[in-house]
Amino acid sequence: MVLRYKNLIIIGTSHIARQSYKEVRHLILTEMPGIIALELDKQRLAALMSKERPRPNLALIKHIGLKGYLFTLIGSYIQKKLGSKVGVLPGEEMKEAIRLAQKLQLRLALIDQDILVTMKEFSKTFTWKERFRFIADVFKGIFFKKKQLKKYGLENLDLSKVPSQATINKLIQDLKYRYPNIYKSLIVDRNRVMAKNLTGLMKHFPDKKILAIVGAGHEEAILKLVKTKYIKTSTT
């Protein structure tokens, strides 16, 4: 989904969808934004562009907590497995945005919260109740895969495309209900940070078109926050 407000354009992407890669490339070349804002922080950018495989880091585990570290590993593994099915490396749309920004000499902005802050908060708030639910959901996903996919309307899911907005909204609402603390640390808190950073860019560069590339499901909430913050700061 592509949303617009003043000098800001936000596109929601799937990090393993070929559709997202094409849409990002098309938007950059047709809109020619002055700034490309990415749902990344410095560490995730370095990891995305690195050709080396990450190694276990005891200092990192101690800093963000074992739960946060394991969740990061599991998430990365799932993305790579799904990406291999469609022949797209996770984050390829972000890499293409970076390549085009360098080629066209466009400004890059990293708008996401520091991953260490996110994972530390995740480790701190991930409750035993949510852990047991997570194990149960993994079990259902393995042994009742068709039923679970049908529940979210994903029985005909095409990984090469971004899921419909209705499907994304349903998944987010289910996450909010079943995993409220994960929802807060991985979605709500990060949306606030990204909205704040985008509002700052809009204020500092009012004459530059800004293209923000974020994961599908973030864009509507971020734009709502941006509008609130923009109007609030404009009237004070």
C-alpha atoms as a PDB file:
ATOM      1  CA  MET A   1       0.000   0.000   0.000  1.00  0.00           C
ATOM      2  CA  VAL A   2       1.238   3.482  -0.900  1.00  0.00           C
ATOM      3  CA  LEU A   3       0.114   6.409   1.288  1.00  0.00           C
ATOM      4  CA  ARG A   4       0.796  10.134   0.841  1.00  0.00           C
ATOM      5  CA  TYR A   5       0.788  13.179   3.091  1.00  0.00           C
ATOM      6  CA  LYS A   6       2.323  16.539   2.173  1.00  0.00           C
ATOM      7  CA  ASN A   7       5.920  15.800   1.042  1.00  0.00           C
ATOM      8  CA  LEU A   8       5.848  12.234   2.415  1.00  0.00           C
ATOM      9  CA  ILE A   9       5.175   8.972   0.563  1.00  0.00           C
ATOM     10  CA  ILE A  10       5.023   5.716   2.548  1.00  0.00           C
ATOM     11  CA  ILE A  11       5.058   2.278   0.962  1.00  0.00           C
ATOM     12  CA  GLY A  12       4.406  -0.934   2.896  1.00  0.00           C
ATOM     13  CA  THR A  13       6.434  -3.885   1.631  1.00  0.00           C
ATOM     14  CA  SER A  14       6.933  -7.601   2.161  1.00  0.00           C
ATOM     15  CA  HIS A  15      10.647  -8.248   2.641  1.00  0.00           C
ATOM     16  CA  ILE A  16      10.549 -11.427   0.540  1.00  0.00           C
ATOM     17  CA  ALA A  17       8.059 -10.388  -2.167  1.00  0.00           C
ATOM     18  CA  ARG A  18       9.258  -9.769  -5.716  1.00  0.00           C
ATOM     19  CA  GLN A  19       6.282  -7.412  -6.050  1.00  0.00           C
ATOM     20  CA  SER A  20       7.770  -5.167  -3.332  1.00  0.00           C
ATOM     21  CA  TYR A  21      11.153  -5.087  -5.065  1.00  0.00           C
ATOM     22  CA  LYS A  22       9.515  -3.941  -8.309  1.00  0.00           C
ATOM     23  CA  GLU A  23       7.250  -1.396  -6.602  1.00  0.00           C
ATOM     24  CA  VAL A  24      10.099   0.182  -4.647  1.00  0.00           C
ATOM     25  CA  ARG A  25      12.239   0.462  -7.752  1.00  0.00           C
ATOM     26  CA  HIS A  26       9.338   1.945  -9.745  1.00  0.00           C
ATOM     27  CA  LEU A  27       8.487   4.505  -7.051  1.00  0.00           C
ATOM     28  CA  ILE A  28      12.077   5.714  -6.726  1.00  0.00           C
ATOM     29  CA  LEU A  29      12.553   6.094 -10.475  1.00  0.00           C
ATOM     30  CA  THR A  30       9.208   7.798 -11.099  1.00  0.00           C
ATOM     31  CA  GLU A  31       8.920   9.965  -7.970  1.00  0.00           C
ATOM     32  CA  MET A  32      12.665  10.783  -7.701  1.00  0.00           C
ATOM     33  CA  PRO A  33      12.494  11.543  -3.959  1.00  0.00           C
ATOM     34  CA  GLY A  34      15.133  13.728  -2.369  1.00  0.00           C
ATOM     35  CA  ILE A  35      15.250  11.425   0.663  1.00  0.00           C
ATOM     36  CA  ILE A  36      14.744   7.657   0.990  1.00  0.00           C
ATOM     37  CA  ALA A  37      13.814   6.700   4.563  1.00  0.00           C
ATOM     38  CA  LEU A  38      14.233   3.050   5.510  1.00  0.00           C
ATOM     39  CA  GLU A  39      12.788   0.881   8.280  1.00  0.00           C
ATOM     40  CA  LEU A  40      16.334   0.136   9.431  1.00  0.00           C
ATOM     41  CA  ASP A  41      18.821   1.222  12.070  1.00  0.00           C
ATOM     42  CA  LYS A  42      22.626   1.282  11.724  1.00  0.00           C
ATOM     43  CA  GLN A  43      23.126  -2.303  12.929  1.00  0.00           C
ATOM     44  CA  ARG A  44      20.413  -3.804  10.742  1.00  0.00           C
ATOM     45  CA  LEU A  45      21.732  -1.866   7.751  1.00  0.00           C
ATOM     46  CA  ALA A  46      25.218  -3.273   8.324  1.00  0.00           C
ATOM     47  CA  ALA A  47      23.819  -6.801   8.736  1.00  0.00           C
ATOM     48  CA  LEU A  48      21.683  -6.454   5.591  1.00  0.00           C
ATOM     49  CA  MET A  49      24.609  -5.363   3.427  1.00  0.00           C
ATOM     50  CA  SER A  50      27.153  -7.775   4.948  1.00  0.00           C
ATOM     51  CA  LYS A  51      28.053 -10.968   3.097  1.00  0.00           C
ATOM     52  CA  GLU A  52      29.237 -12.681   6.276  1.00  0.00           C
ATOM     53  CA  ARG A  53      26.965 -14.921   8.335  1.00  0.00           C
ATOM     54  CA  PRO A  54      26.337 -13.600  11.873  1.00  0.00           C
ATOM     55  CA  ARG A  55      28.014 -15.544  14.677  1.00  0.00           C
ATOM     56  CA  PRO A  56      26.758 -16.126  18.239  1.00  0.00           C
ATOM     57  CA  ASN A  57      27.729 -13.155  20.385  1.00  0.00           C
ATOM     58  CA  LEU A  58      27.712 -13.634  24.160  1.00  0.00           C
ATOM     59  CA  ALA A  59      27.996  -9.899  24.818  1.00  0.00           C
ATOM     60  CA  LEU A  60      24.976  -9.272  22.594  1.00  0.00           C
ATOM     61  CA  ILE A  61      22.948 -12.034  24.272  1.00  0.00           C
ATOM     62  CA  LYS A  62      23.769 -10.529  27.678  1.00  0.00           C
ATOM     63  CA  HIS A  63      22.756  -7.064  26.499  1.00  0.00           C
ATOM     64  CA  ILE A  64      19.417  -7.820  24.809  1.00  0.00           C
ATOM     65  CA  GLY A  65      18.506 -11.007  26.679  1.00  0.00           C
ATOM     66  CA  LEU A  66      18.312 -14.613  25.509  1.00  0.00           C
ATOM     67  CA  LYS A  67      14.634 -14.339  24.511  1.00  0.00           C
ATOM     68  CA  GLY A  68      15.302 -11.379  22.264  1.00  0.00           C
ATOM     69  CA  TYR A  69      18.340 -13.042  20.714  1.00  0.00           C
ATOM     70  CA  LEU A  70      16.512 -16.319  20.017  1.00  0.00           C
ATOM     71  CA  PHE A  71      13.517 -14.467  18.574  1.00  0.00           C
ATOM     72  CA  THR A  72      15.844 -12.610  16.193  1.00  0.00           C
ATOM     73  CA  LEU A  73      17.446 -15.883  15.055  1.00  0.00           C
ATOM     74  CA  ILE A  74      14.071 -17.600  14.555  1.00  0.00           C
ATOM     75  CA  GLY A  75      12.679 -14.630  12.615  1.00  0.00           C
ATOM     76  CA  SER A  76      15.744 -14.467  10.388  1.00  0.00           C
ATOM     77  CA  TYR A  77      15.606 -18.222   9.717  1.00  0.00           C
ATOM     78  CA  ILE A  78      11.902 -18.123   8.780  1.00  0.00           C
ATOM     79  CA  GLN A  79      12.426 -15.185   6.417  1.00  0.00           C
ATOM     80  CA  LYS A  80      15.320 -16.927   4.674  1.00  0.00           C
ATOM     81  CA  LYS A  81      13.338 -20.170   4.291  1.00  0.00           C
ATOM     82  CA  LEU A  82      10.316 -18.349   2.850  1.00  0.00           C
ATOM     83  CA  GLY A  83      12.539 -16.181   0.666  1.00  0.00           C
ATOM     84  CA  SER A  84      14.231 -19.257  -0.792  1.00  0.00           C
ATOM     85  CA  LYS A  85      10.819 -20.520  -1.952  1.00  0.00           C
ATOM     86  CA  VAL A  86      10.304 -17.457  -4.160  1.00  0.00           C
ATOM     87  CA  GLY A  87      13.938 -16.819  -5.040  1.00  0.00           C
ATOM     88  CA  VAL A  88      14.162 -13.468  -3.243  1.00  0.00           C
ATOM     89  CA  LEU A  89      16.594 -12.742  -0.431  1.00  0.00           C
ATOM     90  CA  PRO A  90      14.992 -11.110   2.644  1.00  0.00           C
ATOM     91  CA  GLY A  91      15.271  -7.330   2.450  1.00  0.00           C
ATOM     92  CA  GLU A  92      16.011  -7.247  -1.277  1.00  0.00           C
ATOM     93  CA  GLU A  93      13.671  -4.263  -1.736  1.00  0.00           C
ATOM     94  CA  MET A  94      15.686  -2.367   0.905  1.00  0.00           C
ATOM     95  CA  LYS A  95      18.956  -3.251  -0.835  1.00  0.00           C
ATOM     96  CA  GLU A  96      17.591  -2.018  -4.144  1.00  0.00           C
ATOM     97  CA  ALA A  97      16.543   1.260  -2.513  1.00  0.00           C
ATOM     98  CA  ILE A  98      20.064   1.660  -1.125  1.00  0.00           C
ATOM     99  CA  ARG A  99      21.663   0.858  -4.492  1.00  0.00           C
ATOM    100  CA  LEU A 100      19.446   3.368  -6.301  1.00  0.00           C
ATOM    101  CA  ALA A 101      20.037   6.016  -3.633  1.00  0.00           C
ATOM    102  CA  GLN A 102      23.781   5.664  -4.136  1.00  0.00           C
ATOM    103  CA  LYS A 103      23.482   5.648  -7.925  1.00  0.00           C
ATOM    104  CA  LEU A 104      21.153   8.675  -8.060  1.00  0.00           C
ATOM    105  CA  GLN A 105      22.914  10.457  -5.171  1.00  0.00           C
ATOM    106  CA  LEU A 106      19.811  10.583  -2.986  1.00  0.00           C
ATOM    107  CA  ARG A 107      19.933  11.106   0.776  1.00  0.00           C
ATOM    108  CA  LEU A 108      19.374   7.980   2.903  1.00  0.00           C
ATOM    109  CA  ALA A 109      17.716   8.174   6.318  1.00  0.00           C
ATOM    110  CA  LEU A 110      17.462   5.317   8.849  1.00  0.00           C
ATOM    111  CA  ILE A 111      14.250   5.849  10.798  1.00  0.00           C
ATOM    112  CA  ASP A 112      13.781   2.679  12.850  1.00  0.00           C
ATOM    113  CA  GLN A 113      14.489   2.245  16.539  1.00  0.00           C
ATOM    114  CA  ASP A 114      17.877   0.763  17.488  1.00  0.00           C
ATOM    115  CA  ILE A 115      17.450  -3.025  17.240  1.00  0.00           C
ATOM    116  CA  LEU A 116      19.220  -3.482  20.595  1.00  0.00           C
ATOM    117  CA  VAL A 117      16.606  -1.288  22.301  1.00  0.00           C
ATOM    118  CA  THR A 118      13.792  -3.220  20.614  1.00  0.00           C
ATOM    119  CA  MET A 119      15.127  -6.661  21.504  1.00  0.00           C
ATOM    120  CA  LYS A 120      16.023  -5.663  25.055  1.00  0.00           C
ATOM    121  CA  GLU A 121      12.458  -4.452  25.587  1.00  0.00           C
ATOM    122  CA  PHE A 122      11.142  -7.629  23.959  1.00  0.00           C
ATOM    123  CA  SER A 123      13.163  -9.844  26.334  1.00  0.00           C
ATOM    124  CA  LYS A 124      11.988  -7.830  29.327  1.00  0.00           C
ATOM    125  CA  THR A 125       8.268  -7.959  28.516  1.00  0.00           C
ATOM    126  CA  PHE A 126       7.803 -11.393  26.871  1.00  0.00           C
ATOM    127  CA  THR A 127       5.661 -13.161  29.504  1.00  0.00           C
ATOM    128  CA  TRP A 128       5.358 -16.863  30.308  1.00  0.00           C
ATOM    129  CA  LYS A 129       1.739 -16.751  29.118  1.00  0.00           C
ATOM    130  CA  GLU A 130       2.874 -15.481  25.706  1.00  0.00           C
ATOM    131  CA  ARG A 131       5.663 -18.054  25.570  1.00  0.00           C
ATOM    132  CA  PHE A 132       3.214 -20.917  26.093  1.00  0.00           C
ATOM    133  CA  ARG A 133       0.913 -19.422  23.451  1.00  0.00           C
ATOM    134  CA  PHE A 134       3.855 -19.162  21.068  1.00  0.00           C
ATOM    135  CA  ILE A 135       4.713 -22.856  21.543  1.00  0.00           C
ATOM    136  CA  ALA A 136       1.049 -23.784  21.030  1.00  0.00           C
ATOM    137  CA  ASP A 137       0.853 -21.683  17.847  1.00  0.00           C
ATOM    138  CA  VAL A 138       4.027 -23.264  16.467  1.00  0.00           C
ATOM    139  CA  PHE A 139       2.518 -26.702  17.168  1.00  0.00           C
ATOM    140  CA  LYS A 140      -0.711 -25.746  15.377  1.00  0.00           C
ATOM    141  CA  GLY A 141       1.266 -24.343  12.458  1.00  0.00           C
ATOM    142  CA  ILE A 142       3.115 -27.643  12.033  1.00  0.00           C
ATOM    143  CA  PHE A 143       0.271 -30.108  12.527  1.00  0.00           C
ATOM    144  CA  PHE A 144      -2.765 -28.031  11.517  1.00  0.00           C
ATOM    145  CA  LYS A 145      -1.165 -25.904   8.817  1.00  0.00           C
ATOM    146  CA  LYS A 146      -4.157 -25.784   6.436  1.00  0.00           C
ATOM    147  CA  LYS A 147      -6.578 -24.878   9.213  1.00  0.00           C
ATOM    148  CA  GLN A 148      -4.315 -22.062  10.455  1.00  0.00           C
ATOM    149  CA  LEU A 149      -3.812 -20.665   6.965  1.00  0.00           C
ATOM    150  CA  LYS A 150      -7.553 -20.739   6.326  1.00  0.00           C
ATOM    151  CA  LYS A 151      -8.161 -18.867   9.589  1.00  0.00           C
ATOM    152  CA  TYR A 152      -6.332 -15.841   8.176  1.00  0.00           C
ATOM    153  CA  GLY A 153      -7.431 -16.308   4.572  1.00  0.00           C
ATOM    154  CA  LEU A 154      -3.939 -17.400   3.571  1.00  0.00           C
ATOM    155  CA  GLU A 155      -4.771 -20.768   1.997  1.00  0.00           C
ATOM    156  CA  ASN A 156      -3.972 -19.307  -1.428  1.00  0.00           C
ATOM    157  CA  LEU A 157      -1.092 -17.144  -0.245  1.00  0.00           C
ATOM    158  CA  ASP A 158       1.357 -16.069  -2.946  1.00  0.00           C
ATOM    159  CA  LEU A 159       4.688 -15.286  -1.235  1.00  0.00           C
ATOM    160  CA  SER A 160       5.841 -13.298  -4.259  1.00  0.00           C
ATOM    161  CA  LYS A 161       3.151 -10.680  -3.532  1.00  0.00           C
ATOM    162  CA  VAL A 162       2.301  -8.466  -0.558  1.00  0.00           C
ATOM    163  CA  PRO A 163      -0.744  -9.864   1.334  1.00  0.00           C
ATOM    164  CA  SER A 164      -3.991  -7.878   1.092  1.00  0.00           C
ATOM    165  CA  GLN A 165      -4.524  -5.057   3.578  1.00  0.00           C
ATOM    166  CA  ALA A 166      -7.450  -6.941   5.114  1.00  0.00           C
ATOM    167  CA  THR A 167      -5.214  -9.966   5.758  1.00  0.00           C
ATOM    168  CA  ILE A 168      -2.431  -7.833   7.222  1.00  0.00           C
ATOM    169  CA  ASN A 169      -4.892  -6.025   9.517  1.00  0.00           C
ATOM    170  CA  LYS A 170      -6.323  -9.346  10.696  1.00  0.00           C
ATOM    171  CA  LEU A 171      -2.858 -10.700  11.490  1.00  0.00           C
ATOM    172  CA  ILE A 172      -1.930  -7.550  13.398  1.00  0.00           C
ATOM    173  CA  GLN A 173      -5.155  -7.612  15.418  1.00  0.00           C
ATOM    174  CA  ASP A 174      -4.559 -11.264  16.288  1.00  0.00           C
ATOM    175  CA  LEU A 175      -0.993 -10.426  17.362  1.00  0.00           C
ATOM    176  CA  LYS A 176      -2.309  -7.588  19.506  1.00  0.00           C
ATOM    177  CA  TYR A 177      -4.833  -9.902  21.186  1.00  0.00           C
ATOM    178  CA  ARG A 178      -2.645 -12.985  21.674  1.00  0.00           C
ATOM    179  CA  TYR A 179       0.724 -11.307  22.218  1.00  0.00           C
ATOM    180  CA  PRO A 180       0.087  -7.794  23.608  1.00  0.00           C
ATOM    181  CA  ASN A 181       3.654  -7.309  24.851  1.00  0.00           C
ATOM    182  CA  ILE A 182       5.214  -8.458  21.579  1.00  0.00           C
ATOM    183  CA  TYR A 183       2.786  -6.185  19.748  1.00  0.00           C
ATOM    184  CA  LYS A 184       3.868  -3.221  21.857  1.00  0.00           C
ATOM    185  CA  SER A 185       7.631  -3.786  21.636  1.00  0.00           C
ATOM    186  CA  LEU A 186       7.815  -4.828  17.970  1.00  0.00           C
ATOM    187  CA  ILE A 187       5.083  -2.664  16.446  1.00  0.00           C
ATOM    188  CA  VAL A 188       3.702   0.149  18.627  1.00  0.00           C
ATOM    189  CA  ASP A 189       6.986   1.429  20.062  1.00  0.00           C
ATOM    190  CA  ARG A 190       8.770   1.256  16.702  1.00  0.00           C
ATOM    191  CA  ASN A 191       5.888   2.988  14.896  1.00  0.00           C
ATOM    192  CA  ARG A 192       6.216   5.895  17.327  1.00  0.00           C
ATOM    193  CA  VAL A 193       9.961   6.176  16.722  1.00  0.00           C
ATOM    194  CA  MET A 194       9.584   5.992  12.941  1.00  0.00           C
ATOM    195  CA  ALA A 195       6.746   8.565  12.946  1.00  0.00           C
ATOM    196  CA  LYS A 196       8.833  10.927  15.064  1.00  0.00           C
ATOM    197  CA  ASN A 197      11.834  10.568  12.749  1.00  0.00           C
ATOM    198  CA  LEU A 198       9.721  11.073   9.628  1.00  0.00           C
ATOM    199  CA  THR A 199       8.074  14.160  11.101  1.00  0.00           C
ATOM    200  CA  GLY A 200      11.538  15.547  11.829  1.00  0.00           C
ATOM    201  CA  LEU A 201      12.618  14.944   8.240  1.00  0.00           C
ATOM    202  CA  MET A 202       9.464  16.608   6.892  1.00  0.00           C
ATOM    203  CA  LYS A 203      10.114  19.670   9.067  1.00  0.00           C
ATOM    204  CA  HIS A 204      13.822  19.939   8.234  1.00  0.00           C
ATOM    205  CA  PHE A 205      13.406  19.251   4.513  1.00  0.00           C
ATOM    206  CA  PRO A 206       9.993  20.714   3.553  1.00  0.00           C
ATOM    207  CA  ASP A 207      11.019  21.122  -0.095  1.00  0.00           C
ATOM    208  CA  LYS A 208      12.251  17.531  -0.509  1.00  0.00           C
ATOM    209  CA  LYS A 209      10.031  14.605  -1.369  1.00  0.00           C
ATOM    210  CA  ILE A 210      10.513  11.798   1.174  1.00  0.00           C
ATOM    211  CA  LEU A 211       9.905   8.141   0.317  1.00  0.00           C
ATOM    212  CA  ALA A 212       9.591   5.922   3.400  1.00  0.00           C
ATOM    213  CA  ILE A 213       9.934   2.165   2.900  1.00  0.00           C
ATOM    214  CA  VAL A 214       8.516   0.142   5.797  1.00  0.00           C
ATOM    215  CA  GLY A 215       7.139  -3.335   6.389  1.00  0.00           C
ATOM    216  CA  ALA A 216       3.515  -3.867   5.374  1.00  0.00           C
ATOM    217  CA  GLY A 217       1.294  -3.286   8.383  1.00  0.00           C
ATOM    218  CA  HIS A 218       3.286  -0.332   9.689  1.00  0.00           C
ATOM    219  CA  GLU A 219       2.330   2.275   7.095  1.00  0.00           C
ATOM    220  CA  GLU A 220      -1.216   3.193   8.210  1.00  0.00           C
ATOM    221  CA  ALA A 221      -0.320   3.565  11.893  1.00  0.00           C
ATOM    222  CA  ILE A 222       2.835   5.528  11.079  1.00  0.00           C
ATOM    223  CA  LEU A 223       0.979   7.949   8.804  1.00  0.00           C
ATOM    224  CA  LYS A 224      -1.695   8.509  11.458  1.00  0.00           C
ATOM    225  CA  LEU A 225       1.013   9.352  14.008  1.00  0.00           C
ATOM    226  CA  VAL A 226       2.861  11.559  11.524  1.00  0.00           C
ATOM    227  CA  LYS A 227      -0.280  13.603  10.830  1.00  0.00           C
ATOM    228  CA  THR A 228      -0.909  14.038  14.559  1.00  0.00           C
ATOM    229  CA  LYS A 229       2.685  15.041  15.288  1.00  0.00           C
ATOM    230  CA  TYR A 230       2.945  17.298  12.241  1.00  0.00           C
ATOM    231  CA  ILE A 231      -0.253  19.191  13.024  1.00  0.00           C
ATOM    232  CA  LYS A 232       0.640  19.431  16.720  1.00  0.00           C
ATOM    233  CA  THR A 233       4.123  20.856  16.097  1.00  0.00           C
ATOM    234  CA  SER A 234       2.767  23.219  13.436  1.00  0.00           C
ATOM    235  CA  THR A 235       0.319  24.813  15.876  1.00  0.00           C
ATOM    236  CA  THR A 236       2.722  25.229  18.814  1.00  0.00           C
END
